[in-house]
Amino acid sequence: GRSSALPKSQKPKRNKKPPGMPTRPLSAYNLFFREERERILNARRDGIDQPDFVYPTKAEQESHVAKGKKKTPVLFQAMARCVGKR
């Protein structure tokens, strides 16, 4: 069968948005996640224990970094799991 994919040199270029063009509004989930993230981080700063949020261990973070990745995705994954349970 023939592939309908174009070679890289023939792929159509995406048009860039003009500067000053408004961005799409955030979804309800994005707004909820932002609020929950703030609650979790504020509670952590205040020393309040949250059993549904499991902070990644140092070993998990280091193994993630050893694979050539940043620490941030590990924390984001833990945060997403916690918010998903709520």
C-alpha atoms as a PDB file:
ATOM      1  CA  GLY A   1       0.000   0.000   0.000  1.00  0.00           C
ATOM      2  CA  ARG A   2       1.012   3.562  -0.538  1.00  0.00           C
ATOM      3  CA  SER A   3       1.716   5.788   2.375  1.00  0.00           C
ATOM      4  CA  SER A   4      -0.195   9.060   2.401  1.00  0.00           C
ATOM      5  CA  ALA A   5       2.435  10.684   4.610  1.00  0.00           C
ATOM      6  CA  LEU A   6       4.504  13.332   2.905  1.00  0.00           C
ATOM      7  CA  PRO A   7       8.275  13.379   3.245  1.00  0.00           C
ATOM      8  CA  LYS A   8       9.565  15.906   5.778  1.00  0.00           C
ATOM      9  CA  SER A   9      10.615  18.326   3.046  1.00  0.00           C
ATOM     10  CA  GLN A  10       7.085  18.356   1.577  1.00  0.00           C
ATOM     11  CA  LYS A  11       5.017  18.638   4.751  1.00  0.00           C
ATOM     12  CA  PRO A  12       2.805  21.718   4.797  1.00  0.00           C
ATOM     13  CA  LYS A  13       3.970  24.490   7.086  1.00  0.00           C
ATOM     14  CA  ARG A  14       1.753  25.474  10.010  1.00  0.00           C
ATOM     15  CA  ASN A  15       0.732  29.094  10.037  1.00  0.00           C
ATOM     16  CA  LYS A  16       1.897  30.963  13.118  1.00  0.00           C
ATOM     17  CA  LYS A  17      -0.668  32.984  15.005  1.00  0.00           C
ATOM     18  CA  PRO A  18      -0.291  36.724  14.640  1.00  0.00           C
ATOM     19  CA  PRO A  19       1.095  38.456  17.726  1.00  0.00           C
ATOM     20  CA  GLY A  20      -1.609  39.722  20.026  1.00  0.00           C
ATOM     21  CA  MET A  21      -4.132  37.104  18.947  1.00  0.00           C
ATOM     22  CA  PRO A  22      -6.085  35.815  21.941  1.00  0.00           C
ATOM     23  CA  THR A  23      -5.433  32.308  23.235  1.00  0.00           C
ATOM     24  CA  ARG A  24      -8.126  29.701  23.778  1.00  0.00           C
ATOM     25  CA  PRO A  25      -9.814  29.784  27.190  1.00  0.00           C
ATOM     26  CA  LEU A  26      -8.835  27.126  29.721  1.00  0.00           C
ATOM     27  CA  SER A  27     -11.079  24.094  30.084  1.00  0.00           C
ATOM     28  CA  ALA A  28     -12.989  23.374  33.269  1.00  0.00           C
ATOM     29  CA  TYR A  29     -10.478  20.601  34.072  1.00  0.00           C
ATOM     30  CA  ASN A  30      -7.553  23.003  33.664  1.00  0.00           C
ATOM     31  CA  LEU A  31      -9.180  25.470  36.058  1.00  0.00           C
ATOM     32  CA  PHE A  32      -9.966  22.685  38.563  1.00  0.00           C
ATOM     33  CA  PHE A  33      -6.431  21.281  38.323  1.00  0.00           C
ATOM     34  CA  ARG A  34      -4.892  24.722  38.883  1.00  0.00           C
ATOM     35  CA  GLU A  35      -6.983  25.280  42.035  1.00  0.00           C
ATOM     36  CA  GLU A  36      -6.278  21.795  43.422  1.00  0.00           C
ATOM     37  CA  ARG A  37      -2.544  22.165  42.705  1.00  0.00           C
ATOM     38  CA  GLU A  38      -2.479  25.413  44.688  1.00  0.00           C
ATOM     39  CA  ARG A  39      -4.341  23.749  47.594  1.00  0.00           C
ATOM     40  CA  ILE A  40      -1.925  20.812  47.622  1.00  0.00           C
ATOM     41  CA  LEU A  41       1.182  23.005  47.483  1.00  0.00           C
ATOM     42  CA  ASN A  42      -0.131  25.408  50.141  1.00  0.00           C
ATOM     43  CA  ALA A  43      -0.990  22.513  52.464  1.00  0.00           C
ATOM     44  CA  ARG A  44       2.487  21.053  51.897  1.00  0.00           C
ATOM     45  CA  ARG A  45       4.117  24.408  52.710  1.00  0.00           C
ATOM     46  CA  ASP A  46       1.992  24.668  55.878  1.00  0.00           C
ATOM     47  CA  GLY A  47       2.982  21.144  56.952  1.00  0.00           C
ATOM     48  CA  ILE A  48      -0.520  19.685  56.629  1.00  0.00           C
ATOM     49  CA  ASP A  49      -0.426  15.984  55.809  1.00  0.00           C
ATOM     50  CA  GLN A  50      -2.438  14.914  52.773  1.00  0.00           C
ATOM     51  CA  PRO A  51      -2.760  11.134  52.560  1.00  0.00           C
ATOM     52  CA  ASP A  52      -3.941  11.190  48.925  1.00  0.00           C
ATOM     53  CA  PHE A  53      -0.831  13.055  47.714  1.00  0.00           C
ATOM     54  CA  VAL A  54       2.258  10.880  47.635  1.00  0.00           C
ATOM     55  CA  TYR A  55       5.289  13.080  47.083  1.00  0.00           C
ATOM     56  CA  PRO A  56       7.855  11.337  44.840  1.00  0.00           C
ATOM     57  CA  THR A  57      10.775   9.906  46.781  1.00  0.00           C
ATOM     58  CA  LYS A  58      14.289  11.179  46.256  1.00  0.00           C
ATOM     59  CA  ALA A  59      15.129   7.847  44.565  1.00  0.00           C
ATOM     60  CA  GLU A  60      12.244   8.256  42.086  1.00  0.00           C
ATOM     61  CA  GLN A  61      13.390  11.762  41.241  1.00  0.00           C
ATOM     62  CA  GLU A  62      17.029  10.705  40.886  1.00  0.00           C
ATOM     63  CA  SER A  63      16.175   7.737  38.648  1.00  0.00           C
ATOM     64  CA  HIS A  64      14.132  10.073  36.470  1.00  0.00           C
ATOM     65  CA  VAL A  65      17.067  12.493  36.224  1.00  0.00           C
ATOM     66  CA  ALA A  66      19.468   9.604  35.539  1.00  0.00           C
ATOM     67  CA  LYS A  67      17.405   8.813  32.441  1.00  0.00           C
ATOM     68  CA  GLY A  68      18.214  12.309  31.192  1.00  0.00           C
ATOM     69  CA  LYS A  69      14.870  13.816  32.155  1.00  0.00           C
ATOM     70  CA  LYS A  70      13.916  16.717  34.394  1.00  0.00           C
ATOM     71  CA  LYS A  71      12.572  16.267  37.943  1.00  0.00           C
ATOM     72  CA  THR A  72       9.417  18.232  37.177  1.00  0.00           C
ATOM     73  CA  PRO A  73       7.486  15.487  35.312  1.00  0.00           C
ATOM     74  CA  VAL A  74       7.764  13.141  38.302  1.00  0.00           C
ATOM     75  CA  LEU A  75       6.172  15.748  40.562  1.00  0.00           C
ATOM     76  CA  PHE A  76       3.558  16.559  37.921  1.00  0.00           C
ATOM     77  CA  GLN A  77       2.654  12.880  37.593  1.00  0.00           C
ATOM     78  CA  ALA A  78       2.192  12.581  41.356  1.00  0.00           C
ATOM     79  CA  MET A  79       0.117  15.771  41.354  1.00  0.00           C
ATOM     80  CA  ALA A  80      -2.037  14.506  38.456  1.00  0.00           C
ATOM     81  CA  ARG A  81      -2.665  11.192  40.242  1.00  0.00           C
ATOM     82  CA  CYS A  82      -3.759  13.018  43.375  1.00  0.00           C
ATOM     83  CA  VAL A  83      -6.057  15.457  41.559  1.00  0.00           C
ATOM     84  CA  GLY A  84      -7.502  12.612  39.472  1.00  0.00           C
ATOM     85  CA  LYS A  85      -8.553  10.815  42.673  1.00  0.00           C
ATOM     86  CA  ARG A  86     -10.376  13.917  43.910  1.00  0.00           C
END
